[in-house]
Amino acid sequence: MKVIIFDASTLITFAMNGLLPEFKELKKIFNGKFIITKDVKREIIDRPITIKRFELEALKLKQLLDEKIIEMPSCLGINEDEISKKTKEILNLANNIFIGKGKNIELIQLGEASCLVLSRLLNEKKIENVIAVDERTTRMLGEKPENLERLLRKKLHTNITLKKENFYFFKGFKFIRSSELVYVAYKKGLVKLKNGPVLDALLWAVKFKGCAISGDEINEIKRL
């Protein structure tokens, strides 16, 4: 069994680019589960479905859930209450690592924190998993927190102090972005659009809708 845990950012990128048909095709060839947490569901369906501007995308994502393209952790025997309890703990850890201008810097929100918790619970069950998240901060927190310090210092124009002892919890997570997923869809022939620089268009489209990927990374992916 393999699992991709989806944060709201990646699903929103697919929805806003009209790539949900390709998303469904990816699920068909994936030997495992596409999972969202209760907090992510709240971000992509429950709240936006009540806002006219976002209602259509929310309805499309709800249909994915109704069709079991994406599923909830309960299908893996994971208790939602356990996720919720540990989400608060990891949220507190993450948002107390960096301090700037005398205040704790908020790095992640409930949805991202719940994805990290679910990944850790699946690791304990020896279930292979990866977190799909487009936002840079969560990935850097898990992969290169020292680089995140430099990014925050540059962005906030202030000195940053940090609690390195909190880094330990965020090691060992695996991440993937919508850019890598659309690359797989393209290479597997799942993208119906065939004429022109399709891969280039796909990668720039997800970048412009929120995927944290640089132009150099796009060129590197195209050379693969």
N, C-alpha and C. Protein backbone atom coordinates (compact mmCIF):
# COMPACT_ATOMS: atom_id res chain seq x y z
N MET A 1 0.83 -1.20 0.00
CA MET A 1 0.00 0.00 0.00
C MET A 1 0.87 1.25 0.00
N LYS A 2 0.55 2.18 -0.87
CA LYS A 2 1.22 3.48 -0.91
C LYS A 2 0.17 4.58 -0.75
N VAL A 3 0.59 5.71 -0.20
CA VAL A 3 -0.36 6.79 0.06
C VAL A 3 0.25 8.13 -0.34
N ILE A 4 -0.54 8.95 -1.01
CA ILE A 4 -0.19 10.36 -1.18
C ILE A 4 -1.16 11.16 -0.32
N ILE A 5 -0.62 11.93 0.60
CA ILE A 5 -1.42 12.79 1.46
C ILE A 5 -1.46 14.18 0.81
N PHE A 6 -2.65 14.66 0.50
CA PHE A 6 -2.75 15.93 -0.21
C PHE A 6 -3.08 17.09 0.72
N ASP A 7 -2.22 18.10 0.68
CA ASP A 7 -2.52 19.37 1.32
C ASP A 7 -3.46 20.16 0.39
N ALA A 8 -4.12 21.16 0.96
CA ALA A 8 -5.05 21.96 0.16
C ALA A 8 -4.38 22.62 -1.02
N SER A 9 -3.15 23.08 -0.86
CA SER A 9 -2.48 23.86 -1.90
C SER A 9 -2.37 23.10 -3.22
N THR A 10 -2.00 21.83 -3.16
CA THR A 10 -1.82 21.04 -4.39
C THR A 10 -3.15 20.78 -5.08
N LEU A 11 -4.17 20.44 -4.31
CA LEU A 11 -5.49 20.19 -4.90
C LEU A 11 -6.07 21.45 -5.51
N ILE A 12 -5.87 22.58 -4.86
CA ILE A 12 -6.36 23.85 -5.40
C ILE A 12 -5.63 24.18 -6.71
N THR A 13 -4.34 23.90 -6.77
CA THR A 13 -3.58 24.14 -8.00
C THR A 13 -4.15 23.33 -9.16
N PHE A 14 -4.44 22.06 -8.91
CA PHE A 14 -5.04 21.22 -9.95
C PHE A 14 -6.41 21.75 -10.36
N ALA A 15 -7.23 22.10 -9.38
CA ALA A 15 -8.59 22.55 -9.67
C ALA A 15 -8.59 23.85 -10.45
N MET A 16 -7.76 24.81 -10.06
CA MET A 16 -7.76 26.12 -10.70
C MET A 16 -7.19 26.07 -12.11
N ASN A 17 -6.41 25.05 -12.41
CA ASN A 17 -5.85 24.90 -13.75
C ASN A 17 -6.68 23.98 -14.64
N GLY A 18 -7.84 23.52 -14.15
CA GLY A 18 -8.67 22.63 -14.94
C GLY A 18 -8.04 21.28 -15.18
N LEU A 19 -7.22 20.81 -14.22
CA LEU A 19 -6.47 19.57 -14.40
C LEU A 19 -7.03 18.41 -13.57
N LEU A 20 -8.27 18.53 -13.12
CA LEU A 20 -8.84 17.43 -12.34
C LEU A 20 -9.07 16.16 -13.16
N PRO A 21 -9.38 16.25 -14.47
CA PRO A 21 -9.45 15.01 -15.26
C PRO A 21 -8.11 14.27 -15.26
N GLU A 22 -7.02 15.01 -15.40
CA GLU A 22 -5.69 14.39 -15.34
C GLU A 22 -5.41 13.85 -13.94
N PHE A 23 -5.91 14.53 -12.92
CA PHE A 23 -5.76 14.06 -11.55
C PHE A 23 -6.44 12.71 -11.37
N LYS A 24 -7.62 12.56 -11.94
CA LYS A 24 -8.34 11.28 -11.86
C LYS A 24 -7.56 10.17 -12.56
N GLU A 25 -6.96 10.51 -13.70
CA GLU A 25 -6.18 9.51 -14.43
C GLU A 25 -4.93 9.10 -13.64
N LEU A 26 -4.34 10.06 -12.93
CA LEU A 26 -3.20 9.72 -12.08
C LEU A 26 -3.60 8.71 -11.01
N LYS A 27 -4.77 8.91 -10.43
CA LYS A 27 -5.24 7.98 -9.40
C LYS A 27 -5.41 6.58 -9.96
N LYS A 28 -5.86 6.48 -11.21
CA LYS A 28 -6.08 5.16 -11.82
C LYS A 28 -4.79 4.36 -11.94
N ILE A 29 -3.68 5.06 -12.18
CA ILE A 29 -2.42 4.34 -12.37
C ILE A 29 -1.60 4.25 -11.09
N PHE A 30 -2.11 4.86 -10.02
CA PHE A 30 -1.40 4.85 -8.74
C PHE A 30 -1.87 3.66 -7.91
N ASN A 31 -0.94 2.84 -7.52
CA ASN A 31 -1.27 1.65 -6.75
C ASN A 31 -1.34 1.99 -5.27
N GLY A 32 -2.37 2.76 -4.92
CA GLY A 32 -2.49 3.18 -3.53
C GLY A 32 -3.64 4.15 -3.34
N LYS A 33 -3.56 4.95 -2.28
CA LYS A 33 -4.64 5.84 -1.89
C LYS A 33 -4.22 7.30 -2.01
N PHE A 34 -5.18 8.15 -2.41
CA PHE A 34 -5.05 9.60 -2.31
C PHE A 34 -5.87 10.02 -1.09
N ILE A 35 -5.22 10.62 -0.09
CA ILE A 35 -5.88 10.90 1.19
C ILE A 35 -5.84 12.39 1.53
N ILE A 36 -6.94 12.88 2.10
CA ILE A 36 -6.95 14.22 2.69
C ILE A 36 -7.41 14.11 4.15
N THR A 37 -6.98 15.04 4.96
CA THR A 37 -7.42 15.07 6.35
C THR A 37 -8.69 15.90 6.49
N LYS A 38 -9.28 15.84 7.66
CA LYS A 38 -10.48 16.62 7.95
C LYS A 38 -10.21 18.12 7.82
N ASP A 39 -9.02 18.55 8.25
CA ASP A 39 -8.69 19.97 8.17
C ASP A 39 -8.49 20.42 6.73
N VAL A 40 -7.92 19.56 5.90
CA VAL A 40 -7.77 19.90 4.49
C VAL A 40 -9.14 19.93 3.81
N LYS A 41 -10.00 18.98 4.14
CA LYS A 41 -11.36 18.98 3.59
C LYS A 41 -12.07 20.29 3.91
N ARG A 42 -11.87 20.78 5.12
CA ARG A 42 -12.49 22.04 5.52
C ARG A 42 -11.98 23.19 4.64
N GLU A 43 -10.69 23.14 4.28
CA GLU A 43 -10.09 24.21 3.49
C GLU A 43 -10.51 24.17 2.02
N ILE A 44 -10.70 22.97 1.46
CA ILE A 44 -10.96 22.88 0.02
C ILE A 44 -12.43 22.67 -0.34
N ILE A 45 -13.23 22.24 0.65
CA ILE A 45 -14.64 21.94 0.34
C ILE A 45 -15.58 22.68 1.28
N ASP A 46 -15.49 22.42 2.57
CA ASP A 46 -16.50 22.90 3.52
C ASP A 46 -16.63 24.42 3.54
N ARG A 47 -15.51 25.13 3.61
CA ARG A 47 -15.56 26.59 3.65
C ARG A 47 -15.78 27.20 2.27
N PRO A 48 -15.00 26.85 1.26
CA PRO A 48 -15.16 27.50 -0.05
C PRO A 48 -16.48 27.22 -0.74
N ILE A 49 -17.15 26.12 -0.39
CA ILE A 49 -18.42 25.81 -1.05
C ILE A 49 -19.50 26.81 -0.66
N THR A 50 -19.25 27.58 0.40
CA THR A 50 -20.20 28.60 0.85
C THR A 50 -19.87 29.98 0.28
N ILE A 51 -18.79 30.07 -0.51
CA ILE A 51 -18.35 31.35 -1.08
C ILE A 51 -18.49 31.30 -2.60
N LYS A 52 -19.28 32.18 -3.17
CA LYS A 52 -19.60 32.11 -4.59
C LYS A 52 -18.36 32.09 -5.48
N ARG A 53 -17.35 32.83 -5.10
CA ARG A 53 -16.13 32.90 -5.91
C ARG A 53 -15.43 31.55 -6.03
N PHE A 54 -15.55 30.72 -4.99
CA PHE A 54 -14.82 29.45 -4.96
C PHE A 54 -15.75 28.23 -5.01
N GLU A 55 -17.02 28.46 -5.16
CA GLU A 55 -18.01 27.38 -5.09
C GLU A 55 -17.78 26.30 -6.14
N LEU A 56 -17.49 26.70 -7.37
CA LEU A 56 -17.36 25.72 -8.45
C LEU A 56 -16.20 24.76 -8.20
N GLU A 57 -15.02 25.31 -7.84
CA GLU A 57 -13.87 24.44 -7.56
C GLU A 57 -14.16 23.51 -6.38
N ALA A 58 -14.87 24.04 -5.37
CA ALA A 58 -15.20 23.23 -4.20
C ALA A 58 -16.12 22.08 -4.57
N LEU A 59 -17.08 22.33 -5.45
CA LEU A 59 -17.99 21.28 -5.89
C LEU A 59 -17.25 20.20 -6.68
N LYS A 60 -16.30 20.63 -7.48
CA LYS A 60 -15.51 19.65 -8.25
C LYS A 60 -14.67 18.78 -7.32
N LEU A 61 -14.09 19.40 -6.30
CA LEU A 61 -13.28 18.63 -5.36
C LEU A 61 -14.16 17.72 -4.50
N LYS A 62 -15.36 18.19 -4.17
CA LYS A 62 -16.29 17.35 -3.42
C LYS A 62 -16.66 16.11 -4.23
N GLN A 63 -16.79 16.28 -5.54
CA GLN A 63 -17.11 15.13 -6.39
C GLN A 63 -15.99 14.10 -6.36
N LEU A 64 -14.74 14.57 -6.30
CA LEU A 64 -13.61 13.64 -6.17
C LEU A 64 -13.73 12.83 -4.89
N LEU A 65 -14.17 13.48 -3.82
CA LEU A 65 -14.34 12.78 -2.55
C LEU A 65 -15.52 11.82 -2.63
N ASP A 66 -16.62 12.24 -3.25
CA ASP A 66 -17.79 11.38 -3.39
C ASP A 66 -17.47 10.14 -4.23
N GLU A 67 -16.60 10.31 -5.22
CA GLU A 67 -16.22 9.20 -6.10
C GLU A 67 -15.07 8.37 -5.55
N LYS A 68 -14.59 8.76 -4.34
CA LYS A 68 -13.48 8.06 -3.68
C LYS A 68 -12.17 8.14 -4.47
N ILE A 69 -12.04 9.18 -5.30
CA ILE A 69 -10.74 9.46 -5.91
C ILE A 69 -9.80 9.92 -4.79
N ILE A 70 -10.32 10.82 -3.95
CA ILE A 70 -9.63 11.15 -2.71
C ILE A 70 -10.47 10.60 -1.56
N GLU A 71 -9.79 10.18 -0.49
CA GLU A 71 -10.50 9.56 0.63
C GLU A 71 -10.01 10.15 1.95
N MET A 72 -10.73 9.80 3.00
CA MET A 72 -10.39 10.26 4.34
C MET A 72 -9.52 9.21 5.06
N PRO A 73 -8.79 9.61 6.09
CA PRO A 73 -7.90 8.67 6.81
C PRO A 73 -8.60 7.45 7.39
N SER A 74 -9.90 7.55 7.62
CA SER A 74 -10.63 6.41 8.19
C SER A 74 -10.53 5.17 7.31
N CYS A 75 -10.35 5.36 6.00
CA CYS A 75 -10.23 4.20 5.10
C CYS A 75 -8.95 3.42 5.35
N LEU A 76 -8.04 4.03 6.11
CA LEU A 76 -6.78 3.37 6.46
C LEU A 76 -6.75 2.96 7.93
N GLY A 77 -7.90 3.10 8.58
CA GLY A 77 -7.97 2.75 9.99
C GLY A 77 -7.35 3.78 10.91
N ILE A 78 -7.24 5.03 10.43
CA ILE A 78 -6.67 6.11 11.23
C ILE A 78 -7.81 6.90 11.88
N ASN A 79 -7.72 7.10 13.18
CA ASN A 79 -8.75 7.82 13.92
C ASN A 79 -8.58 9.32 13.77
N GLU A 80 -9.65 10.01 13.38
CA GLU A 80 -9.61 11.46 13.17
C GLU A 80 -9.30 12.21 14.47
N ASP A 81 -9.78 11.70 15.60
CA ASP A 81 -9.52 12.36 16.87
C ASP A 81 -8.03 12.34 17.21
N GLU A 82 -7.37 11.24 16.85
CA GLU A 82 -5.93 11.14 17.10
C GLU A 82 -5.17 12.16 16.26
N ILE A 83 -5.59 12.33 15.01
CA ILE A 83 -4.97 13.32 14.13
C ILE A 83 -5.16 14.72 14.71
N SER A 84 -6.39 15.03 15.11
CA SER A 84 -6.70 16.36 15.63
C SER A 84 -5.86 16.70 16.86
N LYS A 85 -5.74 15.74 17.77
CA LYS A 85 -4.98 15.97 19.00
C LYS A 85 -3.51 16.25 18.69
N LYS A 86 -2.92 15.44 17.83
CA LYS A 86 -1.50 15.61 17.53
C LYS A 86 -1.25 16.80 16.61
N THR A 87 -2.28 17.20 15.84
CA THR A 87 -2.14 18.37 14.98
C THR A 87 -1.88 19.62 15.80
N LYS A 88 -2.57 19.75 16.90
CA LYS A 88 -2.37 20.91 17.78
C LYS A 88 -0.94 20.93 18.33
N GLU A 89 -0.42 19.74 18.63
CA GLU A 89 0.93 19.65 19.17
C GLU A 89 1.97 20.09 18.14
N ILE A 90 1.85 19.58 16.91
CA ILE A 90 2.83 19.90 15.88
C ILE A 90 2.69 21.35 15.42
N LEU A 91 1.47 21.87 15.45
CA LEU A 91 1.24 23.27 15.09
C LEU A 91 1.96 24.18 16.09
N ASN A 92 1.88 23.81 17.35
CA ASN A 92 2.56 24.59 18.40
C ASN A 92 4.07 24.52 18.24
N LEU A 93 4.59 23.33 17.91
CA LEU A 93 6.03 23.18 17.71
C LEU A 93 6.51 24.00 16.53
N ALA A 94 5.80 23.87 15.39
CA ALA A 94 6.23 24.55 14.17
C ALA A 94 6.19 26.07 14.31
N ASN A 95 5.15 26.56 14.94
CA ASN A 95 4.96 28.00 15.01
C ASN A 95 5.66 28.65 16.20
N ASN A 96 6.52 27.87 16.86
CA ASN A 96 7.35 28.42 17.93
C ASN A 96 8.84 28.21 17.66
N ILE A 97 9.18 27.87 16.42
CA ILE A 97 10.59 27.64 16.07
C ILE A 97 11.31 28.96 15.81
N PHE A 98 10.71 29.81 14.99
CA PHE A 98 11.35 31.04 14.56
C PHE A 98 10.71 32.26 15.24
N ILE A 99 11.55 33.15 15.67
CA ILE A 99 11.07 34.37 16.34
C ILE A 99 11.66 35.59 15.64
N GLY A 100 10.80 36.52 15.26
CA GLY A 100 11.25 37.75 14.62
C GLY A 100 10.49 38.93 15.19
N LYS A 101 11.22 40.00 15.45
CA LYS A 101 10.62 41.21 16.05
C LYS A 101 9.88 40.90 17.35
N GLY A 102 10.44 39.93 18.09
CA GLY A 102 9.87 39.60 19.40
C GLY A 102 8.63 38.74 19.38
N LYS A 103 8.24 38.26 18.19
CA LYS A 103 7.03 37.45 18.07
C LYS A 103 7.33 36.12 17.38
N ASN A 104 6.58 35.08 17.78
CA ASN A 104 6.67 33.81 17.08
C ASN A 104 6.15 33.98 15.65
N ILE A 105 6.84 33.37 14.70
CA ILE A 105 6.45 33.47 13.29
C ILE A 105 5.60 32.26 12.93
N GLU A 106 4.40 32.50 12.43
CA GLU A 106 3.52 31.41 12.03
C GLU A 106 4.00 30.83 10.71
N LEU A 107 4.39 29.58 10.73
CA LEU A 107 4.93 28.92 9.54
C LEU A 107 3.87 28.11 8.80
N ILE A 108 3.08 27.35 9.55
CA ILE A 108 2.10 26.47 8.93
C ILE A 108 0.74 26.63 9.60
N GLN A 109 -0.29 26.14 8.93
CA GLN A 109 -1.65 26.20 9.46
C GLN A 109 -2.17 24.78 9.69
N LEU A 110 -3.43 24.69 10.10
CA LEU A 110 -3.99 23.40 10.50
C LEU A 110 -3.89 22.33 9.42
N GLY A 111 -4.22 22.70 8.19
CA GLY A 111 -4.22 21.71 7.11
C GLY A 111 -2.86 21.08 6.91
N GLU A 112 -1.83 21.91 6.82
CA GLU A 112 -0.48 21.40 6.62
C GLU A 112 -0.02 20.58 7.83
N ALA A 113 -0.33 21.08 9.03
CA ALA A 113 0.06 20.36 10.25
C ALA A 113 -0.60 18.98 10.30
N SER A 114 -1.86 18.91 9.91
CA SER A 114 -2.57 17.62 9.95
C SER A 114 -1.97 16.64 8.95
N CYS A 115 -1.46 17.14 7.82
CA CYS A 115 -0.81 16.27 6.83
C CYS A 115 0.47 15.68 7.41
N LEU A 116 1.23 16.50 8.13
CA LEU A 116 2.45 16.01 8.77
C LEU A 116 2.14 14.95 9.81
N VAL A 117 1.09 15.18 10.58
CA VAL A 117 0.69 14.21 11.61
C VAL A 117 0.28 12.89 10.96
N LEU A 118 -0.53 12.97 9.92
CA LEU A 118 -0.98 11.74 9.25
C LEU A 118 0.21 10.98 8.67
N SER A 119 1.15 11.71 8.08
CA SER A 119 2.35 11.05 7.55
C SER A 119 3.10 10.30 8.64
N ARG A 120 3.24 10.93 9.80
CA ARG A 120 3.95 10.29 10.91
C ARG A 120 3.20 9.05 11.39
N LEU A 121 1.88 9.12 11.46
CA LEU A 121 1.08 7.96 11.87
C LEU A 121 1.20 6.81 10.87
N LEU A 122 1.24 7.15 9.58
CA LEU A 122 1.39 6.11 8.55
C LEU A 122 2.79 5.50 8.61
N ASN A 123 3.79 6.32 8.89
CA ASN A 123 5.15 5.79 9.06
C ASN A 123 5.19 4.77 10.19
N GLU A 124 4.48 5.07 11.26
CA GLU A 124 4.44 4.13 12.40
C GLU A 124 3.80 2.80 12.01
N LYS A 125 2.88 2.85 11.03
CA LYS A 125 2.22 1.64 10.55
C LYS A 125 2.98 1.00 9.39
N LYS A 126 4.16 1.55 9.07
CA LYS A 126 5.00 1.06 7.98
C LYS A 126 4.29 1.19 6.62
N ILE A 127 3.48 2.23 6.47
CA ILE A 127 2.79 2.49 5.20
C ILE A 127 3.55 3.59 4.47
N GLU A 128 4.05 3.26 3.30
CA GLU A 128 4.82 4.23 2.50
C GLU A 128 3.95 5.41 2.12
N ASN A 129 4.46 6.61 2.32
CA ASN A 129 3.64 7.79 2.03
C ASN A 129 4.50 8.98 1.65
N VAL A 130 3.87 9.93 0.97
CA VAL A 130 4.49 11.19 0.61
C VAL A 130 3.43 12.28 0.75
N ILE A 131 3.85 13.49 1.10
CA ILE A 131 2.92 14.61 1.26
C ILE A 131 2.99 15.50 0.03
N ALA A 132 1.85 15.72 -0.61
CA ALA A 132 1.78 16.62 -1.76
C ALA A 132 1.44 18.02 -1.25
N VAL A 133 2.40 18.92 -1.35
CA VAL A 133 2.19 20.29 -0.86
C VAL A 133 2.95 21.25 -1.78
N ASP A 134 2.28 22.31 -2.18
CA ASP A 134 2.89 23.27 -3.11
C ASP A 134 3.57 24.43 -2.42
N GLU A 135 3.24 24.69 -1.18
CA GLU A 135 3.81 25.82 -0.48
C GLU A 135 5.23 25.50 -0.02
N ARG A 136 6.11 26.47 -0.19
CA ARG A 136 7.53 26.27 0.08
C ARG A 136 7.83 26.05 1.57
N THR A 137 7.13 26.78 2.43
CA THR A 137 7.49 26.79 3.86
C THR A 137 7.45 25.40 4.49
N THR A 138 6.37 24.66 4.25
CA THR A 138 6.23 23.33 4.86
C THR A 138 7.34 22.40 4.40
N ARG A 139 7.64 22.44 3.11
CA ARG A 139 8.70 21.56 2.58
C ARG A 139 10.06 21.94 3.17
N MET A 140 10.34 23.23 3.24
CA MET A 140 11.63 23.66 3.78
C MET A 140 11.77 23.31 5.25
N LEU A 141 10.66 23.39 5.98
CA LEU A 141 10.68 23.04 7.40
C LEU A 141 11.09 21.59 7.58
N GLY A 142 10.65 20.72 6.67
CA GLY A 142 10.98 19.31 6.76
C GLY A 142 12.31 18.94 6.13
N GLU A 143 12.74 19.73 5.12
CA GLU A 143 13.94 19.35 4.37
C GLU A 143 15.17 20.19 4.74
N LYS A 144 14.99 21.51 4.79
CA LYS A 144 16.14 22.39 5.05
C LYS A 144 15.72 23.58 5.91
N PRO A 145 15.48 23.35 7.20
CA PRO A 145 15.02 24.44 8.06
C PRO A 145 16.02 25.60 8.16
N GLU A 146 17.33 25.30 7.98
CA GLU A 146 18.32 26.37 8.02
C GLU A 146 18.10 27.35 6.87
N ASN A 147 17.72 26.82 5.70
CA ASN A 147 17.43 27.69 4.55
C ASN A 147 16.18 28.53 4.81
N LEU A 148 15.26 27.95 5.55
CA LEU A 148 14.03 28.68 5.89
C LEU A 148 14.36 29.89 6.76
N GLU A 149 15.35 29.74 7.63
CA GLU A 149 15.77 30.87 8.45
C GLU A 149 16.25 32.03 7.58
N ARG A 150 17.08 31.72 6.57
CA ARG A 150 17.58 32.76 5.68
C ARG A 150 16.45 33.39 4.88
N LEU A 151 15.50 32.56 4.44
CA LEU A 151 14.36 33.08 3.67
C LEU A 151 13.53 34.04 4.50
N LEU A 152 13.27 33.68 5.74
CA LEU A 152 12.46 34.53 6.62
C LEU A 152 13.18 35.84 6.93
N ARG A 153 14.50 35.76 7.13
CA ARG A 153 15.27 36.97 7.42
C ARG A 153 15.19 37.95 6.25
N LYS A 154 15.28 37.40 5.03
CA LYS A 154 15.23 38.24 3.83
C LYS A 154 13.83 38.79 3.61
N LYS A 155 12.83 37.96 3.83
CA LYS A 155 11.44 38.37 3.58
C LYS A 155 10.94 39.39 4.59
N LEU A 156 11.31 39.21 5.86
CA LEU A 156 10.81 40.07 6.93
C LEU A 156 11.74 41.24 7.26
N HIS A 157 12.94 41.22 6.65
CA HIS A 157 13.91 42.29 6.87
C HIS A 157 14.21 42.48 8.37
N THR A 158 14.44 41.36 9.03
CA THR A 158 14.76 41.43 10.46
C THR A 158 15.60 40.22 10.85
N ASN A 159 16.29 40.33 11.97
CA ASN A 159 17.05 39.19 12.49
C ASN A 159 16.08 38.14 13.01
N ILE A 160 16.45 36.89 12.82
CA ILE A 160 15.61 35.77 13.23
C ILE A 160 16.36 34.93 14.27
N THR A 161 15.69 34.63 15.36
CA THR A 161 16.23 33.67 16.32
C THR A 161 15.41 32.39 16.20
N LEU A 162 16.02 31.28 16.54
CA LEU A 162 15.33 30.01 16.33
C LEU A 162 15.61 29.01 17.45
N LYS A 163 14.68 28.08 17.57
CA LYS A 163 14.80 26.99 18.54
C LYS A 163 15.13 25.72 17.77
N LYS A 164 16.40 25.44 17.62
CA LYS A 164 16.82 24.28 16.83
C LYS A 164 16.36 22.96 17.43
N GLU A 165 16.08 22.96 18.73
CA GLU A 165 15.65 21.72 19.36
C GLU A 165 14.31 21.23 18.81
N ASN A 166 13.54 22.12 18.16
CA ASN A 166 12.26 21.72 17.57
C ASN A 166 12.41 21.10 16.18
N PHE A 167 13.60 21.21 15.60
CA PHE A 167 13.81 20.69 14.25
C PHE A 167 13.59 19.18 14.18
N TYR A 168 13.88 18.48 15.26
CA TYR A 168 13.90 17.02 15.22
C TYR A 168 12.58 16.44 14.73
N PHE A 169 11.46 17.08 15.12
CA PHE A 169 10.16 16.49 14.78
C PHE A 169 9.87 16.55 13.30
N PHE A 170 10.50 17.46 12.59
CA PHE A 170 10.15 17.69 11.19
C PHE A 170 11.07 16.99 10.20
N LYS A 171 11.91 16.11 10.72
CA LYS A 171 12.80 15.33 9.85
C LYS A 171 12.11 14.04 9.40
N GLY A 172 12.47 13.59 8.21
CA GLY A 172 12.01 12.29 7.74
C GLY A 172 10.76 12.30 6.88
N PHE A 173 10.19 13.47 6.64
CA PHE A 173 9.00 13.55 5.79
C PHE A 173 9.42 13.58 4.32
N LYS A 174 8.56 13.03 3.47
CA LYS A 174 8.80 13.07 2.03
C LYS A 174 7.73 13.95 1.38
N PHE A 175 8.17 14.80 0.43
CA PHE A 175 7.27 15.75 -0.18
C PHE A 175 7.27 15.64 -1.70
N ILE A 176 6.16 16.06 -2.29
CA ILE A 176 6.03 16.15 -3.74
C ILE A 176 5.15 17.36 -4.04
N ARG A 177 5.37 18.00 -5.19
CA ARG A 177 4.58 19.16 -5.58
C ARG A 177 3.69 18.83 -6.78
N SER A 178 2.75 19.72 -7.07
CA SER A 178 1.91 19.53 -8.24
C SER A 178 2.75 19.51 -9.51
N SER A 179 3.89 20.21 -9.51
CA SER A 179 4.75 20.21 -10.70
C SER A 179 5.27 18.82 -11.01
N GLU A 180 5.67 18.06 -9.99
CA GLU A 180 6.12 16.68 -10.23
C GLU A 180 4.96 15.79 -10.66
N LEU A 181 3.78 16.05 -10.12
CA LEU A 181 2.61 15.23 -10.47
C LEU A 181 2.18 15.48 -11.91
N VAL A 182 2.20 16.74 -12.36
CA VAL A 182 1.82 17.00 -13.75
C VAL A 182 2.89 16.47 -14.70
N TYR A 183 4.14 16.45 -14.24
CA TYR A 183 5.20 15.85 -15.05
C TYR A 183 4.93 14.36 -15.26
N VAL A 184 4.55 13.67 -14.18
CA VAL A 184 4.21 12.25 -14.30
C VAL A 184 3.03 12.06 -15.24
N ALA A 185 2.02 12.89 -15.09
CA ALA A 185 0.84 12.80 -15.96
C ALA A 185 1.23 12.98 -17.42
N TYR A 186 2.11 13.92 -17.66
CA TYR A 186 2.57 14.18 -19.04
C TYR A 186 3.37 12.99 -19.59
N LYS A 187 4.30 12.48 -18.81
CA LYS A 187 5.15 11.38 -19.26
C LYS A 187 4.36 10.09 -19.46
N LYS A 188 3.28 9.92 -18.69
CA LYS A 188 2.46 8.73 -18.80
C LYS A 188 1.39 8.86 -19.89
N GLY A 189 1.38 9.98 -20.59
CA GLY A 189 0.41 10.18 -21.67
C GLY A 189 -1.00 10.44 -21.18
N LEU A 190 -1.14 10.98 -19.97
CA LEU A 190 -2.47 11.21 -19.41
C LEU A 190 -3.03 12.58 -19.76
N VAL A 191 -2.20 13.45 -20.32
CA VAL A 191 -2.63 14.79 -20.69
C VAL A 191 -3.15 14.75 -22.13
N LYS A 192 -4.40 15.15 -22.30
CA LYS A 192 -5.04 15.05 -23.62
C LYS A 192 -4.48 16.06 -24.62
N LEU A 193 -4.04 17.21 -24.13
CA LEU A 193 -3.46 18.22 -25.01
C LEU A 193 -2.13 17.71 -25.55
N LYS A 194 -1.98 17.68 -26.87
CA LYS A 194 -0.80 17.07 -27.47
C LYS A 194 0.05 18.05 -28.28
N ASN A 195 -0.53 19.08 -28.84
CA ASN A 195 0.21 19.96 -29.75
C ASN A 195 0.89 21.11 -29.01
N GLY A 196 2.15 21.39 -29.39
CA GLY A 196 2.85 22.51 -28.80
C GLY A 196 3.65 22.13 -27.57
N PRO A 197 4.24 23.12 -26.91
CA PRO A 197 5.08 22.88 -25.71
C PRO A 197 4.22 22.61 -24.47
N VAL A 198 3.58 21.46 -24.45
CA VAL A 198 2.58 21.15 -23.42
C VAL A 198 3.20 21.09 -22.03
N LEU A 199 4.35 20.41 -21.90
CA LEU A 199 4.96 20.29 -20.58
C LEU A 199 5.34 21.66 -20.03
N ASP A 200 5.92 22.49 -20.88
CA ASP A 200 6.28 23.85 -20.46
C ASP A 200 5.04 24.60 -19.98
N ALA A 201 3.95 24.49 -20.71
CA ALA A 201 2.71 25.17 -20.35
C ALA A 201 2.16 24.65 -19.03
N LEU A 202 2.22 23.35 -18.82
CA LEU A 202 1.73 22.76 -17.59
C LEU A 202 2.51 23.25 -16.37
N LEU A 203 3.83 23.25 -16.50
CA LEU A 203 4.68 23.63 -15.37
C LEU A 203 4.53 25.11 -15.02
N TRP A 204 4.45 25.96 -16.02
CA TRP A 204 4.27 27.38 -15.75
C TRP A 204 2.87 27.65 -15.21
N ALA A 205 1.89 26.87 -15.67
CA ALA A 205 0.52 27.05 -15.18
C ALA A 205 0.43 26.77 -13.69
N VAL A 206 1.03 25.67 -13.23
CA VAL A 206 0.97 25.36 -11.81
C VAL A 206 1.78 26.35 -10.99
N LYS A 207 2.87 26.86 -11.57
CA LYS A 207 3.66 27.88 -10.87
C LYS A 207 2.80 29.13 -10.64
N PHE A 208 2.11 29.57 -11.68
CA PHE A 208 1.32 30.80 -11.57
C PHE A 208 0.10 30.64 -10.67
N LYS A 209 -0.29 29.39 -10.38
CA LYS A 209 -1.43 29.16 -9.48
C LYS A 209 -0.99 28.80 -8.07
N GLY A 210 0.31 28.94 -7.78
CA GLY A 210 0.72 28.79 -6.39
C GLY A 210 1.79 27.76 -6.08
N CYS A 211 2.19 26.94 -7.07
CA CYS A 211 3.25 25.95 -6.80
C CYS A 211 4.59 26.67 -6.70
N ALA A 212 5.29 26.45 -5.59
CA ALA A 212 6.59 27.10 -5.37
C ALA A 212 7.66 26.37 -6.17
N ILE A 213 7.85 26.78 -7.41
CA ILE A 213 8.86 26.20 -8.28
C ILE A 213 9.49 27.33 -9.07
N SER A 214 10.80 27.27 -9.23
CA SER A 214 11.51 28.34 -9.92
C SER A 214 11.59 28.05 -11.42
N GLY A 215 11.93 29.08 -12.18
CA GLY A 215 12.12 28.90 -13.61
C GLY A 215 13.24 27.93 -13.90
N ASP A 216 14.30 27.96 -13.09
CA ASP A 216 15.42 27.02 -13.28
C ASP A 216 14.95 25.58 -13.04
N GLU A 217 14.11 25.39 -12.03
CA GLU A 217 13.60 24.04 -11.76
C GLU A 217 12.72 23.56 -12.90
N ILE A 218 11.94 24.46 -13.46
CA ILE A 218 11.10 24.10 -14.61
C ILE A 218 11.97 23.63 -15.77
N ASN A 219 13.02 24.36 -16.04
CA ASN A 219 13.93 23.97 -17.14
C ASN A 219 14.60 22.62 -16.85
N GLU A 220 14.92 22.40 -15.58
CA GLU A 220 15.55 21.12 -15.20
C GLU A 220 14.58 19.97 -15.41
N ILE A 221 13.33 20.14 -15.03
CA ILE A 221 12.32 19.09 -15.22
C ILE A 221 12.14 18.81 -16.71
N LYS A 222 12.12 19.84 -17.53
CA LYS A 222 11.94 19.66 -18.97
C LYS A 222 13.11 18.90 -19.61
N ARG A 223 14.29 18.97 -18.96
CA ARG A 223 15.45 18.26 -19.51
C ARG A 223 15.47 16.79 -19.12
N LEU A 224 14.64 16.39 -18.18
CA LEU A 224 14.63 14.99 -17.72
C LEU A 224 14.26 14.04 -18.85
